[in-house]
Protein backbone atom coordinates (compact mmCIF):
# COMPACT_ATOMS: atom_id res chain seq x y z
CA MET A 1 -34.23 68.87 -14.16
CA PRO A 2 -34.19 73.21 -13.64
CA ALA A 3 -34.83 74.66 -17.54
CA LYS A 4 -32.31 77.32 -16.84
CA VAL A 5 -29.31 74.12 -16.22
CA ARG A 6 -31.07 70.92 -18.54
CA GLY A 7 -29.06 71.35 -21.10
CA ARG A 8 -25.56 71.24 -19.89
CA PHE A 9 -27.46 68.17 -17.84
CA VAL A 10 -29.02 66.15 -21.17
CA SER A 11 -26.07 67.31 -22.85
CA VAL A 12 -23.30 65.02 -20.18
CA PHE A 13 -25.33 62.24 -20.92
CA ASN A 14 -24.82 62.11 -24.02
CA ALA A 15 -20.92 62.55 -23.63
CA CYS A 16 -21.39 58.20 -23.59
CA PHE A 17 -21.99 58.24 -26.63
CA SER A 18 -18.69 59.86 -27.98
CA LEU A 19 -17.21 57.69 -24.78
CA GLY A 20 -18.70 54.28 -26.70
CA VAL A 21 -17.33 56.09 -29.97
CA ALA A 22 -14.29 56.04 -28.87
CA LEU A 23 -13.81 52.39 -27.34
CA ALA A 24 -15.03 51.13 -30.99
CA TYR A 25 -12.35 52.89 -32.45
CA PHE A 26 -10.19 51.41 -29.22
CA LEU A 27 -11.28 48.42 -30.03
CA GLY A 28 -10.92 48.06 -33.67
CA TYR A 29 -7.04 48.80 -32.66
CA LEU A 30 -6.27 45.73 -30.19
CA VAL A 31 -9.02 43.53 -32.05
CA VAL A 32 -10.14 44.17 -35.41
CA VAL A 33 -6.04 45.26 -36.80
CA PRO A 34 -4.75 41.62 -35.36
CA PHE A 35 -7.39 39.25 -35.68
CA GLY A 36 -10.17 40.97 -38.18
CA TRP A 37 -13.20 42.00 -38.74
CA ARG A 38 -15.83 39.08 -37.02
CA TRP A 39 -14.56 39.19 -33.18
CA GLY A 40 -15.34 43.17 -33.70
CA PHE A 41 -18.79 42.23 -34.26
CA ALA A 42 -19.09 40.04 -32.09
CA ILE A 43 -17.71 42.48 -29.22
CA GLY A 44 -20.14 45.41 -30.70
CA VAL A 45 -22.93 42.31 -29.68
CA LEU A 46 -22.47 42.87 -25.92
CA PRO A 47 -23.63 46.62 -25.26
CA ILE A 48 -26.51 44.96 -25.75
CA LEU A 49 -26.49 43.75 -21.70
CA MET A 50 -26.63 47.99 -20.70
CA PHE A 51 -30.54 46.80 -21.06
CA PHE A 52 -30.99 44.75 -18.57
CA VAL A 53 -28.49 47.40 -16.40
CA ALA A 54 -30.65 50.31 -17.13
CA LYS A 55 -34.08 48.55 -16.36
CA ALA A 56 -33.26 47.42 -13.18
CA THR A 57 -31.56 50.84 -12.14
CA LEU A 58 -33.30 53.62 -13.97
CA PRO A 59 -36.74 54.86 -12.44
CA GLU A 60 -39.50 56.17 -14.84
CA SER A 61 -39.85 59.40 -16.45
CA VAL A 62 -42.20 60.98 -13.91
CA ARG A 63 -44.19 62.92 -16.32
CA TYR A 64 -44.92 60.39 -18.88
CA LEU A 65 -46.32 57.77 -15.36
CA LEU A 66 -48.65 61.22 -14.82
CA GLU A 67 -49.36 61.18 -18.20
CA LYS A 68 -50.49 57.45 -18.05
CA GLY A 69 -52.49 58.40 -14.62
CA LYS A 70 -49.82 56.40 -12.37
CA ILE A 71 -49.94 58.90 -9.46
CA GLU A 72 -48.55 57.17 -6.36
CA GLU A 73 -46.07 56.11 -8.52
CA ALA A 74 -44.78 59.01 -9.59
CA VAL A 75 -45.24 60.40 -6.19
CA ARG A 76 -42.44 57.60 -5.18
CA ILE A 77 -40.01 58.49 -7.24
CA VAL A 78 -39.72 62.49 -6.54
CA GLU A 79 -40.40 61.27 -2.98
CA GLN A 80 -37.15 58.59 -4.07
CA ILE A 81 -35.67 61.70 -5.36
CA GLU A 82 -36.43 64.51 -2.65
CA LYS A 83 -34.95 62.28 -0.68
CA LYS A 84 -31.75 60.95 -1.20
CA ILE A 85 -30.65 65.31 -3.35
CA LEU A 86 -32.93 67.41 -0.03
CA LYS A 87 -32.71 65.02 2.54
CA ARG A 88 -36.51 65.46 3.03
CA VAL A 89 -39.77 65.38 1.38
CA THR A 90 -41.41 68.69 0.30
CA VAL A 91 -44.44 67.58 0.20
CA PRO A 92 -46.26 64.49 2.09
CA PHE A 93 -47.10 61.92 0.31
CA GLU A 94 -51.54 62.11 1.15
CA GLU A 95 -50.94 65.06 -0.33
CA ALA A 96 -49.02 65.39 -3.26
CA VAL A 97 -51.28 62.19 -4.63
CA LYS A 98 -54.57 64.72 -3.88
CA ILE A 99 -52.62 67.52 -5.61
CA GLU A 100 -52.05 65.66 -8.72
CA ARG A 101 -55.32 63.97 -8.85
CA GLU A 102 -56.53 68.07 -8.43
CA ALA A 103 -53.69 68.29 -11.95
CA ALA A 104 -55.63 65.17 -13.68
CA ALA A 105 -58.77 65.68 -12.98
CA SER A 106 -58.61 69.40 -15.00
CA GLN A 107 -56.75 68.26 -17.83
CA ARG A 108 -58.14 66.77 -21.02
CA LYS A 109 -57.71 63.78 -21.43
CA GLU A 110 -56.54 62.53 -25.45
CA SER A 111 -56.04 59.65 -27.36
CA ARG A 112 -52.61 58.15 -27.58
CA ILE A 113 -50.49 59.83 -29.55
CA GLY A 114 -49.18 58.05 -33.46
CA ILE A 115 -46.84 58.98 -35.54
CA ALA A 116 -49.37 60.65 -37.95
CA ASP A 117 -50.78 63.39 -35.00
CA LEU A 118 -46.76 64.49 -35.07
CA PHE A 119 -48.42 65.97 -38.71
CA THR A 120 -51.32 68.22 -37.12
CA ARG A 121 -52.17 71.79 -36.76
CA GLY A 122 -49.68 73.02 -33.70
CA MET A 123 -47.06 69.92 -34.63
CA ALA A 124 -45.57 69.57 -38.30
CA ARG A 125 -44.49 72.47 -38.42
CA TYR A 126 -41.67 71.57 -35.25
CA THR A 127 -42.23 67.37 -36.47
CA ILE A 128 -40.31 68.30 -39.86
CA VAL A 129 -38.25 71.45 -38.73
CA VAL A 130 -36.81 69.06 -36.02
CA ALA A 131 -36.27 66.26 -38.42
CA ILE A 132 -34.53 68.13 -41.63
CA ALA A 133 -31.59 68.47 -38.56
CA TRP A 134 -31.41 65.62 -37.80
CA PHE A 135 -31.26 63.78 -41.22
CA SER A 136 -28.41 66.81 -41.82
CA LEU A 137 -26.41 65.94 -38.91
CA GLN A 138 -26.70 62.16 -39.49
CA TYR A 139 -26.03 62.26 -42.70
CA CYS A 140 -23.11 64.61 -42.25
CA VAL A 141 -22.03 62.72 -38.59
CA TYR A 142 -21.99 58.92 -40.49
CA ALA A 143 -21.03 60.17 -44.06
CA ILE A 144 -17.05 61.96 -42.80
CA MET A 145 -16.37 59.14 -39.33
CA VAL A 146 -17.57 55.40 -41.83
CA TRP A 147 -14.84 56.23 -44.14
CA MET A 148 -12.80 58.69 -41.92
CA PRO A 149 -10.47 55.32 -41.07
CA VAL A 150 -9.62 55.20 -45.17
CA VAL A 151 -9.39 58.68 -45.73
CA LEU A 152 -7.19 59.34 -42.77
CA ARG A 153 -5.54 55.99 -45.03
CA THR A 154 -5.56 56.75 -48.18
CA GLU A 155 -5.60 60.70 -48.69
CA LEU A 156 -3.01 61.45 -45.78
CA GLY A 157 -1.59 58.68 -45.52
CA PHE A 158 -1.38 57.59 -41.90
CA GLN A 159 -1.40 53.74 -41.09
CA LEU A 160 -4.37 51.90 -40.06
CA ALA A 161 -3.29 51.22 -36.81
CA THR A 162 -2.51 55.06 -36.21
CA GLY A 163 -5.72 56.52 -37.44
CA LEU A 164 -7.75 54.05 -35.37
CA SER A 165 -5.92 55.01 -32.50
CA PHE A 166 -6.07 58.86 -33.54
CA LEU A 167 -9.45 58.81 -33.82
CA ALA A 168 -10.13 56.80 -30.62
CA LEU A 169 -8.66 59.51 -29.04
CA GLY A 170 -10.27 62.54 -30.65
CA SER A 171 -13.50 60.81 -29.73
CA LEU A 172 -12.28 60.98 -25.82
CA LEU A 173 -11.62 64.41 -26.54
CA GLY A 174 -15.01 64.75 -28.02
CA ALA A 175 -16.36 62.97 -25.05
CA ALA A 176 -15.33 65.12 -23.02
CA ALA A 177 -16.28 68.53 -25.33
CA THR A 178 -19.57 66.92 -25.22
CA PRO A 179 -20.64 69.11 -22.07
CA LEU A 180 -19.98 72.75 -23.64
CA SER A 181 -22.71 71.75 -26.22
CA GLY A 182 -24.96 72.52 -23.48
CA ILE A 183 -23.71 74.58 -21.25
CA ALA A 184 -23.37 76.56 -25.01
CA ALA A 185 -26.90 75.73 -25.36
CA ASP A 186 -27.85 77.19 -21.87
CA THR A 187 -26.30 80.30 -21.76
CA ILE A 188 -26.99 81.93 -25.57
CA GLY A 189 -29.89 79.08 -26.28
CA ARG A 190 -30.50 76.13 -28.36
CA LYS A 191 -31.36 77.61 -32.09
CA ILE A 192 -27.44 79.68 -32.65
CA SER A 193 -25.58 77.07 -30.36
CA LEU A 194 -27.28 74.52 -33.22
CA CYS A 195 -26.09 76.77 -36.09
CA ALA A 196 -22.58 77.79 -35.18
CA ILE A 197 -22.11 73.68 -34.07
CA PHE A 198 -23.12 73.04 -37.91
CA THR A 199 -21.58 75.12 -39.52
CA ILE A 200 -18.28 74.69 -38.25
CA TYR A 201 -18.70 70.80 -38.53
CA GLY A 202 -19.05 71.40 -42.46
CA ILE A 203 -16.04 74.12 -42.61
CA ILE A 204 -13.41 71.79 -40.29
CA PRO A 205 -13.02 69.22 -42.95
CA TYR A 206 -11.99 70.95 -45.48
CA PHE A 207 -8.63 72.17 -42.96
CA LEU A 208 -7.81 67.79 -42.50
CA PHE A 209 -8.97 67.10 -45.68
CA LEU A 210 -6.07 70.08 -47.42
CA LEU A 211 -4.07 70.33 -45.09
CA GLY A 212 -3.59 67.17 -43.05
CA ARG A 213 -0.39 65.98 -45.28
CA ASP A 214 1.37 67.26 -42.46
CA PRO A 215 1.38 64.40 -39.36
CA ALA A 216 1.88 68.15 -36.19
CA LEU A 217 -1.64 69.41 -38.19
CA GLY A 218 -3.26 66.34 -38.73
CA PHE A 219 -3.61 65.79 -35.73
CA ILE A 220 -4.52 68.55 -34.10
CA LEU A 221 -7.07 68.88 -37.43
CA LEU A 222 -8.51 65.47 -36.67
CA MET A 223 -8.80 66.19 -33.45
CA LEU A 224 -11.20 69.37 -34.20
CA THR A 225 -13.39 67.56 -36.04
CA LEU A 226 -13.97 64.87 -33.05
CA ILE A 227 -14.22 67.53 -30.75
CA VAL A 228 -17.03 69.31 -32.45
CA VAL A 229 -18.53 65.48 -33.94
CA GLY A 230 -19.60 65.55 -30.04
CA LEU A 231 -20.22 68.98 -29.55
CA ILE A 232 -23.21 67.97 -32.28
CA ASN A 233 -24.02 65.09 -30.12
CA GLY A 234 -24.58 67.20 -27.34
CA ILE A 235 -27.02 70.18 -28.50
CA VAL A 236 -28.70 67.71 -30.86
CA TYR A 237 -30.45 65.98 -28.25
CA VAL A 238 -30.63 68.89 -25.50
CA TYR A 239 -32.64 70.53 -28.43
CA SER A 240 -35.17 68.31 -30.31
CA PRO A 241 -36.77 65.83 -27.19
CA GLU A 242 -37.86 70.19 -26.13
CA ASN A 243 -39.49 70.58 -28.62
CA PHE A 244 -42.27 67.71 -28.46
CA PRO A 245 -45.13 67.35 -25.48
CA THR A 246 -44.46 65.08 -22.97
CA LYS A 247 -47.76 62.93 -24.80
CA ALA A 248 -45.44 63.11 -28.19
CA ARG A 249 -42.38 62.92 -26.53
CA GLY A 250 -41.65 59.51 -27.14
CA ALA A 251 -43.16 59.15 -30.57
CA GLY A 252 -41.54 62.14 -32.06
CA MET A 253 -38.50 61.28 -31.06
CA GLY A 254 -38.63 58.21 -32.57
CA PHE A 255 -39.52 59.66 -35.66
CA VAL A 256 -36.59 62.21 -36.17
CA THR A 257 -33.85 60.02 -34.22
CA ALA A 258 -35.89 57.17 -37.47
CA VAL A 259 -35.46 59.65 -39.75
CA GLY A 260 -31.33 60.15 -38.89
CA ARG A 261 -30.92 56.75 -39.10
CA VAL A 262 -32.42 57.27 -42.78
CA GLY A 263 -29.78 60.01 -43.09
CA ALA A 264 -26.51 57.68 -41.49
CA ILE A 265 -27.71 54.51 -43.84
CA ALA A 266 -27.88 56.85 -47.25
CA GLY A 267 -24.28 58.96 -45.81
CA PRO A 268 -21.74 56.36 -46.10
CA THR A 269 -23.11 54.36 -49.56
CA ILE A 270 -23.33 58.23 -51.35
CA VAL A 271 -20.27 59.05 -50.28
CA GLY A 272 -18.72 56.03 -51.71
CA PHE A 273 -20.45 56.34 -55.17
CA ILE A 274 -19.07 60.77 -54.89
CA TYR A 275 -15.42 59.15 -53.81
CA SER A 276 -15.35 57.14 -56.84
CA VAL A 277 -16.14 58.99 -59.43
CA ALA A 278 -15.67 63.07 -57.85
CA GLY A 279 -13.24 62.77 -55.10
CA PHE A 280 -13.31 63.26 -51.45
CA ILE A 281 -13.16 67.36 -52.04
CA TRP A 282 -17.42 66.42 -54.06
CA VAL A 283 -18.10 64.83 -50.37
CA LEU A 284 -17.01 67.84 -47.56
CA HIS A 285 -19.02 69.90 -51.10
CA VAL A 286 -21.74 68.56 -50.80
CA ASN A 287 -21.70 67.96 -46.35
CA ILE A 288 -21.33 71.39 -46.41
CA ALA A 289 -24.48 72.76 -48.34
CA LEU A 290 -26.70 69.46 -46.34
CA LEU A 291 -25.33 71.28 -42.90
CA LEU A 292 -25.44 74.68 -44.18
CA PHE A 293 -29.32 73.40 -45.21
CA GLY A 294 -30.07 72.14 -42.25
CA ALA A 295 -28.86 74.78 -39.91
CA ILE A 296 -30.88 77.65 -41.68
CA VAL A 297 -34.23 75.42 -41.53
CA VAL A 298 -33.70 75.36 -37.66
CA TRP A 299 -32.69 78.60 -37.25
CA ILE A 300 -35.76 80.10 -39.91
CA PHE A 301 -38.96 78.14 -38.54
CA GLY A 302 -37.31 76.34 -35.27
CA ARG A 303 -38.00 78.09 -31.93
CA GLU A 304 -35.78 79.10 -28.95
CA THR A 305 -35.53 77.06 -26.22
CA LYS A 306 -33.55 78.29 -23.53
CA GLY A 307 -34.95 78.90 -20.24
CA ARG A 308 -38.28 77.12 -20.52
CA VAL A 309 -40.09 74.59 -18.41
CA LEU A 310 -41.19 72.04 -20.50
CA GLU A 311 -44.87 72.69 -20.14
CA ASP A 312 -45.29 76.02 -20.85
CA ILE A 313 -43.08 74.73 -24.68
CA GLU A 314 -45.71 72.40 -24.93
CA SER A 315 -48.93 75.25 -23.89
CA SER A 316 -46.74 77.63 -26.85
């Protein structure tokens, strides 16, 4: 993708995450409330079928193929894309293969990248920065969203069915808003967009918790909270992979998302303890502290990748 619009394209793709969340809440309203949680779990298995659809329809990454020496396959994919979009091939097949072979021959061959390589000089700093951002994000998103149906019912007085329907609607709005994070990333920069969205997500739940007993105000604040969740998911997937070179992008994203999953598991568990001991307000205190910590780390130690081609980022 062109560097100047890469952020908005990636954020559009990640709007599907919020659509999935909305569908989950909607199915909770239709299935779990009347029939019980077991049917919800059974339906939750069905998305595995998307694996087979993706494998059959999506092309392989061109950069990955070049990295693996599969030059002809990479050139054919580029030709297919050019024919579909430009209605023509810009460089003949044989010439394109020759150019890529010469480029590959001039590059130093490197061994396969593993997790340990993510912490070598030149990569360790950005691996740690992105991992901290992911842990902060996943902890705080799941800490709030997993407990949200309970909070809406016990703290704000919503009925379970009403709360689930509102959560589904809010997630749809979050999906619609997700591309805005990509536009912001391409316009004002990745770092400032990420830090701003993290900070806003730390603040808005306070207003929801303190003012949300008013039905109209509670509805508006809940929608805003879920819109910001959509923005977070957009910006973090724009910024994170850009910090890893092509040969290490899979390993890098695998590592930082694994760190994020640790946060996603820890968040709801720790929230249950804090909620029972100190009340929900302290849940929000911990959340905003962690989000601000993640934002500060990215702002001070992260690098700006706005408008830069991936090869330029790799070389730096």
